[in-house]
Protein backbone atom coordinates (compact mmCIF):
# COMPACT_ATOMS: atom_id res chain seq x y z
CA UNK A 1 0.00 0.00 0.00
CA UNK A 2 1.20 3.49 -0.88
CA UNK A 3 1.57 5.93 2.05
CA UNK A 4 1.15 9.08 -0.05
CA UNK A 5 -1.41 11.56 1.18
CA UNK A 6 -4.13 12.62 -1.22
CA UNK A 7 -4.98 16.32 -1.02
CA UNK A 8 -8.33 17.37 -2.40
CA UNK A 9 -9.27 21.05 -2.74
CA UNK A 10 -13.07 21.11 -2.99
CA UNK A 11 -14.84 23.78 -5.02
CA UNK A 12 -17.77 24.05 -2.57
CA UNK A 13 -17.85 23.51 1.20
CA UNK A 14 -20.28 24.00 4.09
CA UNK A 15 -20.27 27.15 6.19
CA UNK A 16 -18.67 25.30 9.10
CA UNK A 17 -15.59 24.65 6.95
CA UNK A 18 -15.39 28.34 6.01
CA UNK A 19 -15.77 29.21 9.68
CA UNK A 20 -12.90 26.91 10.65
CA UNK A 21 -10.63 27.92 7.78
CA UNK A 22 -11.15 31.69 7.82
CA UNK A 23 -12.35 32.44 11.35
CA UNK A 24 -15.76 33.82 10.40
CA UNK A 25 -18.63 32.81 12.67
CA UNK A 26 -21.49 30.90 11.08
CA UNK A 27 -23.68 33.94 11.85
CA UNK A 28 -21.33 36.39 10.10
CA UNK A 29 -21.19 34.08 7.07
CA UNK A 30 -25.00 34.10 6.86
CA UNK A 31 -25.08 37.90 7.19
CA UNK A 32 -22.55 38.36 4.38
CA UNK A 33 -24.77 36.21 2.18
CA UNK A 34 -28.05 37.87 3.22
CA UNK A 35 -26.73 41.43 2.86
CA UNK A 36 -25.37 40.70 -0.60
CA UNK A 37 -21.70 41.07 0.27
CA UNK A 38 -21.18 37.54 -1.05
CA UNK A 39 -22.79 37.02 -4.46
CA UNK A 40 -25.05 34.03 -5.09
CA UNK A 41 -23.68 31.70 -7.76
CA UNK A 42 -20.16 32.97 -7.28
CA UNK A 43 -19.44 32.85 -3.53
CA UNK A 44 -22.38 30.74 -2.39
CA UNK A 45 -24.97 28.37 -3.78
CA UNK A 46 -27.86 26.40 -2.37
CA UNK A 47 -27.35 22.66 -2.94
CA UNK A 48 -30.29 20.49 -4.03
CA UNK A 49 -30.76 19.31 -0.43
CA UNK A 50 -31.05 22.93 0.77
CA UNK A 51 -27.54 23.15 2.24
CA UNK A 52 -25.76 26.46 1.74
CA UNK A 53 -22.37 25.84 0.14
CA UNK A 54 -19.48 28.28 -0.23
CA UNK A 55 -16.54 28.62 -2.62
CA UNK A 56 -13.22 28.97 -0.77
CA UNK A 57 -11.59 30.37 -3.93
CA UNK A 58 -14.24 33.08 -4.31
CA UNK A 59 -14.00 33.97 -0.62
CA UNK A 60 -10.22 34.30 -0.89
CA UNK A 61 -10.71 36.57 -3.91
CA UNK A 62 -13.24 38.65 -1.92
CA UNK A 63 -10.81 38.92 1.02
CA UNK A 64 -7.99 40.12 -1.25
CA UNK A 65 -9.91 42.29 -3.69
CA UNK A 66 -13.06 43.24 -1.83
PDB file of N, CA and C in Angstrom:
ATOM      1  N   UNK A   1       0.834  -1.187   0.000  1.00  0.00           N
ATOM      2  CA  UNK A   1       0.000   0.000   0.000  1.00  0.00           C
ATOM      3  C   UNK A   1       0.876   1.246   0.000  1.00  0.00           C
ATOM      4  N   UNK A   2       0.462   2.238  -0.746  1.00  0.00           N
ATOM      5  CA  UNK A   2       1.197   3.489  -0.881  1.00  0.00           C
ATOM      6  C   UNK A   2       0.837   4.426   0.269  1.00  0.00           C
ATOM      7  N   UNK A   3       1.805   5.038   0.917  1.00  0.00           N
ATOM      8  CA  UNK A   3       1.569   5.930   2.051  1.00  0.00           C
ATOM      9  C   UNK A   3       1.471   7.397   1.663  1.00  0.00           C
ATOM     10  N   UNK A   4       1.295   7.699   0.385  1.00  0.00           N
ATOM     11  CA  UNK A   4       1.152   9.084  -0.052  1.00  0.00           C
ATOM     12  C   UNK A   4      -0.193   9.643   0.408  1.00  0.00           C
ATOM     13  N   UNK A   5      -0.191  10.902   0.757  1.00  0.00           N
ATOM     14  CA  UNK A   5      -1.414  11.564   1.185  1.00  0.00           C
ATOM     15  C   UNK A   5      -2.075  12.221  -0.013  1.00  0.00           C
ATOM     16  N   UNK A   6      -3.352  12.011  -0.156  1.00  0.00           N
ATOM     17  CA  UNK A   6      -4.127  12.621  -1.224  1.00  0.00           C
ATOM     18  C   UNK A   6      -4.723  13.925  -0.711  1.00  0.00           C
ATOM     19  N   UNK A   7      -4.445  15.021  -1.397  1.00  0.00           N
ATOM     20  CA  UNK A   7      -4.984  16.321  -1.018  1.00  0.00           C
ATOM     21  C   UNK A   7      -6.045  16.729  -2.031  1.00  0.00           C
ATOM     22  N   UNK A   8      -7.228  16.965  -1.547  1.00  0.00           N
ATOM     23  CA  UNK A   8      -8.331  17.375  -2.401  1.00  0.00           C
ATOM     24  C   UNK A   8      -8.729  18.794  -2.014  1.00  0.00           C
ATOM     25  N   UNK A   9      -8.838  19.685  -2.984  1.00  0.00           N
ATOM     26  CA  UNK A   9      -9.269  21.048  -2.735  1.00  0.00           C
ATOM     27  C   UNK A   9     -10.678  21.179  -3.333  1.00  0.00           C
ATOM     28  N   UNK A  10     -11.695  21.073  -2.478  1.00  0.00           N
ATOM     29  CA  UNK A  10     -13.071  21.110  -2.988  1.00  0.00           C
ATOM     30  C   UNK A  10     -13.454  22.496  -3.499  1.00  0.00           C
ATOM     31  N   UNK A  11     -14.330  22.515  -4.485  1.00  0.00           N
ATOM     32  CA  UNK A  11     -14.836  23.777  -5.025  1.00  0.00           C
ATOM     33  C   UNK A  11     -15.885  24.399  -4.120  1.00  0.00           C
ATOM     34  N   UNK A  12     -16.673  23.580  -3.429  1.00  0.00           N
ATOM     35  CA  UNK A  12     -17.765  24.053  -2.572  1.00  0.00           C
ATOM     36  C   UNK A  12     -17.724  23.325  -1.242  1.00  0.00           C
ATOM     37  N   UNK A  13     -17.867  24.087  -0.146  1.00  0.00           N
ATOM     38  CA  UNK A  13     -17.849  23.514   1.197  1.00  0.00           C
ATOM     39  C   UNK A  13     -18.961  24.131   2.043  1.00  0.00           C
ATOM     40  N   UNK A  14     -19.274  23.484   3.153  1.00  0.00           N
ATOM     41  CA  UNK A  14     -20.276  23.996   4.086  1.00  0.00           C
ATOM     42  C   UNK A  14     -19.735  25.208   4.839  1.00  0.00           C
ATOM     43  N   UNK A  15     -20.635  25.971   5.418  1.00  0.00           N
ATOM     44  CA  UNK A  15     -20.265  27.150   6.193  1.00  0.00           C
ATOM     45  C   UNK A  15     -19.353  26.833   7.360  1.00  0.00           C
ATOM     46  N   UNK A  16     -19.526  25.665   7.958  1.00  0.00           N
ATOM     47  CA  UNK A  16     -18.674  25.298   9.098  1.00  0.00           C
ATOM     48  C   UNK A  16     -17.213  25.166   8.685  1.00  0.00           C
ATOM     49  N   UNK A  17     -16.965  24.749   7.455  1.00  0.00           N
ATOM     50  CA  UNK A  17     -15.594  24.646   6.954  1.00  0.00           C
ATOM     51  C   UNK A  17     -15.014  26.046   6.749  1.00  0.00           C
ATOM     52  N   UNK A  18     -15.829  26.950   6.194  1.00  0.00           N
ATOM     53  CA  UNK A  18     -15.391  28.338   6.009  1.00  0.00           C
ATOM     54  C   UNK A  18     -15.101  28.964   7.365  1.00  0.00           C
ATOM     55  N   UNK A  19     -15.955  28.684   8.329  1.00  0.00           N
ATOM     56  CA  UNK A  19     -15.770  29.206   9.677  1.00  0.00           C
ATOM     57  C   UNK A  19     -14.438  28.739  10.262  1.00  0.00           C
ATOM     58  N   UNK A  20     -14.153  27.466  10.128  1.00  0.00           N
ATOM     59  CA  UNK A  20     -12.903  26.912  10.650  1.00  0.00           C
ATOM     60  C   UNK A  20     -11.680  27.436   9.905  1.00  0.00           C
ATOM     61  N   UNK A  21     -11.783  27.540   8.599  1.00  0.00           N
ATOM     62  CA  UNK A  21     -10.630  27.924   7.783  1.00  0.00           C
ATOM     63  C   UNK A  21     -10.317  29.408   7.849  1.00  0.00           C
ATOM     64  N   UNK A  22     -11.365  30.250   7.928  1.00  0.00           N
ATOM     65  CA  UNK A  22     -11.151  31.690   7.823  1.00  0.00           C
ATOM     66  C   UNK A  22     -11.487  32.454   9.095  1.00  0.00           C
ATOM     67  N   UNK A  23     -12.064  31.788  10.074  1.00  0.00           N
ATOM     68  CA  UNK A  23     -12.348  32.437  11.350  1.00  0.00           C
ATOM     69  C   UNK A  23     -13.640  33.216  11.409  1.00  0.00           C
ATOM     70  N   UNK A  24     -14.448  33.169  10.368  1.00  0.00           N
ATOM     71  CA  UNK A  24     -15.756  33.819  10.401  1.00  0.00           C
ATOM     72  C   UNK A  24     -16.714  32.960  11.217  1.00  0.00           C
ATOM     73  N   UNK A  25     -17.603  33.588  11.974  1.00  0.00           N
ATOM     74  CA  UNK A  25     -18.628  32.814  12.667  1.00  0.00           C
ATOM     75  C   UNK A  25     -19.669  32.381  11.640  1.00  0.00           C
ATOM     76  N   UNK A  26     -20.421  31.357  11.975  1.00  0.00           N
ATOM     77  CA  UNK A  26     -21.489  30.896  11.084  1.00  0.00           C
ATOM     78  C   UNK A  26     -22.499  32.020  10.884  1.00  0.00           C
ATOM     79  N   UNK A  27     -22.751  32.810  11.941  1.00  0.00           N
ATOM     80  CA  UNK A  27     -23.685  33.935  11.848  1.00  0.00           C
ATOM     81  C   UNK A  27     -23.157  35.015  10.898  1.00  0.00           C
ATOM     82  N   UNK A  28     -21.880  35.348  10.978  1.00  0.00           N
ATOM     83  CA  UNK A  28     -21.332  36.385  10.097  1.00  0.00           C
ATOM     84  C   UNK A  28     -21.313  35.926   8.640  1.00  0.00           C
ATOM     85  N   UNK A  29     -21.137  34.636   8.425  1.00  0.00           N
ATOM     86  CA  UNK A  29     -21.191  34.083   7.068  1.00  0.00           C
ATOM     87  C   UNK A  29     -22.599  34.267   6.502  1.00  0.00           C
ATOM     88  N   UNK A  30     -23.607  33.940   7.297  1.00  0.00           N
ATOM     89  CA  UNK A  30     -24.999  34.096   6.855  1.00  0.00           C
ATOM     90  C   UNK A  30     -25.311  35.564   6.568  1.00  0.00           C
ATOM     91  N   UNK A  31     -24.827  36.476   7.401  1.00  0.00           N
ATOM     92  CA  UNK A  31     -25.081  37.903   7.188  1.00  0.00           C
ATOM     93  C   UNK A  31     -24.419  38.418   5.922  1.00  0.00           C
ATOM     94  N   UNK A  32     -23.214  37.956   5.617  1.00  0.00           N
ATOM     95  CA  UNK A  32     -22.545  38.361   4.378  1.00  0.00           C
ATOM     96  C   UNK A  32     -23.367  37.911   3.175  1.00  0.00           C
ATOM     97  N   UNK A  33     -23.928  36.732   3.253  1.00  0.00           N
ATOM     98  CA  UNK A  33     -24.768  36.206   2.182  1.00  0.00           C
ATOM     99  C   UNK A  33     -26.068  37.011   2.084  1.00  0.00           C
ATOM    100  N   UNK A  34     -26.754  37.200   3.207  1.00  0.00           N
ATOM    101  CA  UNK A  34     -28.050  37.873   3.218  1.00  0.00           C
ATOM    102  C   UNK A  34     -27.969  39.340   2.809  1.00  0.00           C
ATOM    103  N   UNK A  35     -26.891  40.005   3.183  1.00  0.00           N
ATOM    104  CA  UNK A  35     -26.728  41.428   2.861  1.00  0.00           C
ATOM    105  C   UNK A  35     -26.173  41.672   1.463  1.00  0.00           C
ATOM    106  N   UNK A  36     -25.852  40.581   0.767  1.00  0.00           N
ATOM    107  CA  UNK A  36     -25.375  40.702  -0.604  1.00  0.00           C
ATOM    108  C   UNK A  36     -23.896  40.971  -0.746  1.00  0.00           C
ATOM    109  N   UNK A  37     -23.148  40.888   0.351  1.00  0.00           N
ATOM    110  CA  UNK A  37     -21.703  41.072   0.265  1.00  0.00           C
ATOM    111  C   UNK A  37     -21.064  39.906  -0.492  1.00  0.00           C
ATOM    112  N   UNK A  38     -21.640  38.727  -0.330  1.00  0.00           N
ATOM    113  CA  UNK A  38     -21.182  37.543  -1.052  1.00  0.00           C
ATOM    114  C   UNK A  38     -22.244  37.182  -2.081  1.00  0.00           C
ATOM    115  N   UNK A  39     -21.874  37.186  -3.347  1.00  0.00           N
ATOM    116  CA  UNK A  39     -22.791  37.023  -4.459  1.00  0.00           C
ATOM    117  C   UNK A  39     -23.210  35.560  -4.669  1.00  0.00           C
ATOM    118  N   UNK A  40     -24.521  35.366  -4.802  1.00  0.00           N
ATOM    119  CA  UNK A  40     -25.051  34.028  -5.086  1.00  0.00           C
ATOM    120  C   UNK A  40     -24.542  33.555  -6.444  1.00  0.00           C
ATOM    121  N   UNK A  41     -24.182  32.294  -6.522  1.00  0.00           N
ATOM    122  CA  UNK A  41     -23.683  31.703  -7.756  1.00  0.00           C
ATOM    123  C   UNK A  41     -22.177  31.830  -7.911  1.00  0.00           C
ATOM    124  N   UNK A  42     -21.601  32.786  -7.225  1.00  0.00           N
ATOM    125  CA  UNK A  42     -20.157  32.967  -7.278  1.00  0.00           C
ATOM    126  C   UNK A  42     -19.506  32.567  -5.953  1.00  0.00           C
ATOM    127  N   UNK A  43     -20.003  33.133  -4.851  1.00  0.00           N
ATOM    128  CA  UNK A  43     -19.438  32.853  -3.529  1.00  0.00           C
ATOM    129  C   UNK A  43     -20.247  31.768  -2.821  1.00  0.00           C
ATOM    130  N   UNK A  44     -21.546  31.753  -3.058  1.00  0.00           N
ATOM    131  CA  UNK A  44     -22.377  30.738  -2.393  1.00  0.00           C
ATOM    132  C   UNK A  44     -23.462  30.229  -3.336  1.00  0.00           C
ATOM    133  N   UNK A  45     -23.864  28.993  -3.067  1.00  0.00           N
ATOM    134  CA  UNK A  45     -24.967  28.366  -3.784  1.00  0.00           C
ATOM    135  C   UNK A  45     -25.801  27.571  -2.782  1.00  0.00           C
ATOM    136  N   UNK A  46     -27.006  27.266  -3.184  1.00  0.00           N
ATOM    137  CA  UNK A  46     -27.861  26.399  -2.374  1.00  0.00           C
ATOM    138  C   UNK A  46     -27.902  25.037  -3.064  1.00  0.00           C
ATOM    139  N   UNK A  47     -27.392  24.022  -2.383  1.00  0.00           N
ATOM    140  CA  UNK A  47     -27.348  22.664  -2.938  1.00  0.00           C
ATOM    141  C   UNK A  47     -28.773  22.103  -3.055  1.00  0.00           C
ATOM    142  N   UNK A  48     -28.960  21.068  -3.857  1.00  0.00           N
ATOM    143  CA  UNK A  48     -30.293  20.493  -4.032  1.00  0.00           C
ATOM    144  C   UNK A  48     -30.964  20.050  -2.729  1.00  0.00           C
ATOM    145  N   UNK A  49     -30.176  19.721  -1.711  1.00  0.00           N
ATOM    146  CA  UNK A  49     -30.765  19.313  -0.434  1.00  0.00           C
ATOM    147  C   UNK A  49     -31.031  20.496   0.491  1.00  0.00           C
ATOM    148  N   UNK A  50     -30.800  21.734  -0.011  1.00  0.00           N
ATOM    149  CA  UNK A  50     -31.055  22.931   0.773  1.00  0.00           C
ATOM    150  C   UNK A  50     -29.862  23.446   1.556  1.00  0.00           C
ATOM    151  N   UNK A  51     -28.739  22.741   1.514  1.00  0.00           N
ATOM    152  CA  UNK A  51     -27.539  23.151   2.241  1.00  0.00           C
ATOM    153  C   UNK A  51     -26.874  24.321   1.535  1.00  0.00           C
ATOM    154  N   UNK A  52     -26.503  25.339   2.297  1.00  0.00           N
ATOM    155  CA  UNK A  52     -25.763  26.461   1.736  1.00  0.00           C
ATOM    156  C   UNK A  52     -24.302  26.035   1.602  1.00  0.00           C
ATOM    157  N   UNK A  53     -23.746  26.223   0.417  1.00  0.00           N
ATOM    158  CA  UNK A  53     -22.371  25.837   0.138  1.00  0.00           C
ATOM    159  C   UNK A  53     -21.599  27.075  -0.324  1.00  0.00           C
ATOM    160  N   UNK A  54     -20.309  27.104   0.020  1.00  0.00           N
ATOM    161  CA  UNK A  54     -19.479  28.279  -0.230  1.00  0.00           C
ATOM    162  C   UNK A  54     -18.218  27.910  -0.991  1.00  0.00           C
ATOM    163  N   UNK A  55     -17.756  28.827  -1.828  1.00  0.00           N
ATOM    164  CA  UNK A  55     -16.543  28.622  -2.617  1.00  0.00           C
ATOM    165  C   UNK A  55     -15.345  29.237  -1.905  1.00  0.00           C
ATOM    166  N   UNK A  56     -14.411  28.414  -1.407  1.00  0.00           N
ATOM    167  CA  UNK A  56     -13.222  28.974  -0.774  1.00  0.00           C
ATOM    168  C   UNK A  56     -12.434  29.888  -1.706  1.00  0.00           C
ATOM    169  N   UNK A  57     -12.340  29.550  -2.979  1.00  0.00           N
ATOM    170  CA  UNK A  57     -11.585  30.369  -3.930  1.00  0.00           C
ATOM    171  C   UNK A  57     -12.222  31.748  -4.082  1.00  0.00           C
ATOM    172  N   UNK A  58     -13.547  31.795  -4.170  1.00  0.00           N
ATOM    173  CA  UNK A  58     -14.241  33.078  -4.311  1.00  0.00           C
ATOM    174  C   UNK A  58     -14.131  33.902  -3.033  1.00  0.00           C
ATOM    175  N   UNK A  59     -14.149  33.250  -1.885  1.00  0.00           N
ATOM    176  CA  UNK A  59     -14.001  33.967  -0.616  1.00  0.00           C
ATOM    177  C   UNK A  59     -12.596  34.544  -0.506  1.00  0.00           C
ATOM    178  N   UNK A  60     -11.588  33.785  -0.906  1.00  0.00           N
ATOM    179  CA  UNK A  60     -10.221  34.304  -0.889  1.00  0.00           C
ATOM    180  C   UNK A  60     -10.094  35.507  -1.814  1.00  0.00           C
ATOM    181  N   UNK A  61     -10.725  35.451  -2.974  1.00  0.00           N
ATOM    182  CA  UNK A  61     -10.715  36.573  -3.908  1.00  0.00           C
ATOM    183  C   UNK A  61     -11.392  37.791  -3.273  1.00  0.00           C
ATOM    184  N   UNK A  62     -12.523  37.570  -2.596  1.00  0.00           N
ATOM    185  CA  UNK A  62     -13.237  38.652  -1.921  1.00  0.00           C
ATOM    186  C   UNK A  62     -12.370  39.260  -0.816  1.00  0.00           C
ATOM    187  N   UNK A  63     -11.678  38.432  -0.063  1.00  0.00           N
ATOM    188  CA  UNK A  63     -10.809  38.921   1.017  1.00  0.00           C
ATOM    189  C   UNK A  63      -9.702  39.813   0.449  1.00  0.00           C
ATOM    190  N   UNK A  64      -9.121  39.396  -0.647  1.00  0.00           N
ATOM    191  CA  UNK A  64      -7.990  40.121  -1.249  1.00  0.00           C
ATOM    192  C   UNK A  64      -8.450  41.364  -2.001  1.00  0.00           C
ATOM    193  N   UNK A  65      -9.507  41.215  -2.781  1.00  0.00           N
ATOM    194  CA  UNK A  65      -9.907  42.292  -3.694  1.00  0.00           C
ATOM    195  C   UNK A  65     -11.168  43.051  -3.282  1.00  0.00           C
ATOM    196  N   UNK A  66     -11.845  42.563  -2.280  1.00  0.00           N
ATOM    197  CA  UNK A  66     -13.062  43.238  -1.834  1.00  0.00           C
ATOM    198  C   UNK A  66     -14.244  43.014  -2.726  1.00  0.00           C
TER     199      UNK A  66
END
